[in-house]
Amino acid sequence: MKTLNTLLVASALVASVAFATATPQLTNNNKQTEMGQMQMMDMGKTGMFKGVEVNGGSASLYSKEGRYHLKWSDDFKIPGTPSPSWQVVDAQGNTYLLNQLKIAGEKQNRDIVLPKYIKSIAKVQIWCSFAEVNLGEASFSKAVMLK
């Protein structure tokens, strides 16, 4: 009987140590999942695009893994002009020509990473690099400062 009690106590001890060891790992995994979700932070959305070729859709600015991204909405339609590109205007009125909307084949640059030298964004424009004309633009309600 004494041996059985010793075995039961030893089993309980092993089980409690195993449970105590497993619990922090589950907590760490949950924290990693929460941190992954927190790493993508919505920073704002423009109004609707308006212009000579682009009328509709909007752009969203968000931060993910320390980088700023622009993404167009699902209702945005790429204009049928040659070489439409992303362009942003900062709070001081400086313009930055970025990626083209369409790339090889049927691929699209729906979501782009902003260069680190851009410190603020007031407007997002769709720029025709071929004709050098603004096809449409959408503004943030207030310029967004980037770090």
Protein backbone atom coordinates (compact mmCIF):
# COMPACT_ATOMS: atom_id res chain seq x y z
CA MET A 1 0.00 0.00 0.00
CA LYS A 2 2.87 2.34 0.85
CA THR A 3 4.35 1.71 -2.63
CA LEU A 4 1.00 2.50 -4.27
CA ASN A 5 0.72 5.80 -2.33
CA THR A 6 4.30 6.67 -3.29
CA LEU A 7 3.52 5.96 -6.96
CA LEU A 8 0.35 8.06 -6.83
CA VAL A 9 2.20 10.98 -5.21
CA ALA A 10 5.02 10.65 -7.75
CA SER A 11 2.50 10.54 -10.64
CA ALA A 12 0.72 13.61 -9.33
CA LEU A 13 4.02 15.42 -8.99
CA VAL A 14 5.05 14.53 -12.56
CA ALA A 15 1.63 15.60 -13.89
CA SER A 16 1.76 18.93 -12.05
CA VAL A 17 5.28 19.63 -13.30
CA ALA A 18 4.22 18.77 -16.87
CA PHE A 19 1.15 21.01 -16.58
CA ALA A 20 3.16 23.89 -15.08
CA THR A 21 5.71 23.57 -17.88
CA ALA A 22 3.02 23.46 -20.59
CA THR A 23 1.02 26.42 -19.28
CA PRO A 24 3.68 29.13 -19.95
CA GLN A 25 4.16 27.79 -23.48
CA LEU A 26 0.45 28.15 -24.22
CA THR A 27 0.51 31.65 -22.76
CA ASN A 28 3.53 32.58 -24.89
CA ASN A 29 1.83 31.26 -28.04
CA ASN A 30 -1.28 33.30 -27.25
CA LYS A 31 0.85 36.40 -26.69
CA GLN A 32 2.64 35.83 -30.01
CA THR A 33 -0.71 35.57 -31.81
CA GLU A 34 -1.95 38.76 -30.13
CA MET A 35 1.30 40.53 -31.00
CA GLY A 36 1.00 39.40 -34.64
CA GLN A 37 -2.47 40.89 -34.83
CA MET A 38 -1.35 44.07 -33.10
CA GLN A 39 1.56 44.51 -35.50
CA MET A 40 -0.90 45.47 -38.26
CA MET A 41 -2.28 48.85 -37.23
CA ASP A 42 -4.82 50.80 -39.28
CA MET A 43 -3.74 54.43 -39.55
CA GLY A 44 -6.48 55.91 -41.69
CA LYS A 45 -8.48 55.87 -44.86
CA THR A 46 -8.85 58.46 -47.60
CA GLY A 47 -12.08 59.77 -48.99
CA MET A 48 -13.19 58.58 -52.43
CA PHE A 49 -10.92 59.07 -55.44
CA LYS A 50 -12.09 61.89 -57.74
CA GLY A 51 -10.59 62.99 -61.03
CA VAL A 52 -10.63 62.82 -64.82
CA GLU A 53 -10.26 59.01 -65.00
CA VAL A 54 -10.56 57.67 -61.45
CA ASN A 55 -13.81 58.21 -59.59
CA GLY A 56 -14.44 55.76 -56.81
CA GLY A 57 -12.64 53.60 -54.36
CA SER A 58 -10.33 54.76 -51.61
CA ALA A 59 -6.91 54.01 -50.12
CA SER A 60 -6.04 52.79 -46.65
CA LEU A 61 -2.82 53.42 -44.77
CA TYR A 62 -1.62 50.89 -42.25
CA SER A 63 1.52 49.88 -40.42
CA LYS A 64 2.75 46.29 -40.41
CA GLU A 65 6.03 45.02 -39.00
CA GLY A 66 7.45 48.53 -38.74
CA ARG A 67 6.66 49.51 -42.36
CA TYR A 68 3.90 51.71 -43.73
CA HIS A 69 1.63 50.32 -46.45
CA LEU A 70 -0.98 51.76 -48.82
CA LYS A 71 -3.76 49.56 -50.12
CA TRP A 72 -6.68 50.38 -52.39
CA SER A 73 -10.23 49.34 -51.56
CA ASP A 74 -12.08 46.50 -53.24
CA ASP A 75 -14.28 48.93 -55.19
CA PHE A 76 -11.28 50.74 -56.74
CA LYS A 77 -10.98 50.27 -60.50
CA ILE A 78 -7.65 50.63 -62.31
CA PRO A 79 -8.01 53.18 -65.13
CA GLY A 80 -7.47 52.00 -68.71
CA THR A 81 -4.65 54.47 -69.28
CA PRO A 82 -1.03 53.49 -69.87
CA SER A 83 1.24 53.38 -66.82
CA PRO A 84 -1.08 54.37 -63.95
CA SER A 85 1.00 54.69 -60.78
CA TRP A 86 0.67 55.34 -57.08
CA GLN A 87 1.71 58.83 -56.08
CA VAL A 88 1.50 60.46 -52.66
CA VAL A 89 1.55 64.08 -51.60
CA ASP A 90 2.97 64.89 -48.18
CA ALA A 91 1.88 67.62 -45.72
CA GLN A 92 4.31 70.13 -47.33
CA GLY A 93 3.02 69.50 -50.86
CA ASN A 94 5.95 67.35 -52.02
CA THR A 95 4.97 64.55 -54.42
CA TYR A 96 6.46 61.08 -54.50
CA LEU A 97 5.93 58.86 -57.54
CA LEU A 98 5.78 55.24 -56.40
CA ASN A 99 4.90 51.84 -57.88
CA GLN A 100 2.78 51.31 -60.98
CA LEU A 101 -0.67 49.88 -60.34
CA LYS A 102 -0.21 47.11 -62.89
CA ILE A 103 2.82 44.91 -63.25
CA ALA A 104 3.75 42.10 -65.66
CA GLY A 105 0.79 40.11 -66.88
CA GLU A 106 -2.40 40.48 -64.89
CA LYS A 107 -0.68 41.20 -61.59
CA GLN A 108 -1.49 44.34 -59.61
CA ASN A 109 0.21 46.38 -56.92
CA ARG A 110 -2.88 46.60 -54.70
CA ASP A 111 -0.77 46.93 -51.56
CA ILE A 112 2.56 48.77 -51.57
CA VAL A 113 5.21 49.50 -48.97
CA LEU A 114 6.06 53.19 -48.63
CA PRO A 115 9.70 54.28 -48.72
CA LYS A 116 11.07 55.31 -45.32
CA TYR A 117 11.90 58.83 -46.53
CA ILE A 118 8.19 59.74 -46.76
CA LYS A 119 7.36 61.39 -43.43
CA SER A 120 3.70 62.32 -43.96
CA ILE A 121 0.80 61.73 -46.35
CA ALA A 122 -1.98 64.17 -47.12
CA LYS A 123 -3.22 62.75 -50.46
CA VAL A 124 -2.97 59.67 -52.59
CA GLN A 125 -3.00 60.23 -56.33
CA ILE A 126 -3.27 57.95 -59.32
CA TRP A 127 -0.71 59.36 -61.73
CA CYS A 128 -0.33 58.49 -65.41
CA SER A 129 3.43 58.25 -65.92
CA PHE A 130 2.98 58.16 -69.72
CA ALA A 131 0.89 61.34 -70.11
CA GLU A 132 2.17 62.92 -66.88
CA VAL A 133 -1.29 63.77 -65.63
CA ASN A 134 -3.18 63.28 -62.37
CA LEU A 135 -5.99 60.78 -63.07
CA GLY A 136 -7.63 61.15 -59.67
CA GLU A 137 -6.84 61.78 -56.05
CA ALA A 138 -8.15 61.01 -52.60
CA SER A 139 -7.31 62.94 -49.44
CA PHE A 140 -7.03 62.02 -45.81
CA SER A 141 -9.17 64.22 -43.56
CA LYS A 142 -5.91 65.37 -41.96
CA ALA A 143 -2.31 64.68 -43.04
CA VAL A 144 -0.99 61.50 -41.44
CA MET A 145 2.44 61.84 -39.86
CA LEU A 146 4.72 58.82 -40.28
CA LYS A 147 7.62 57.99 -37.97
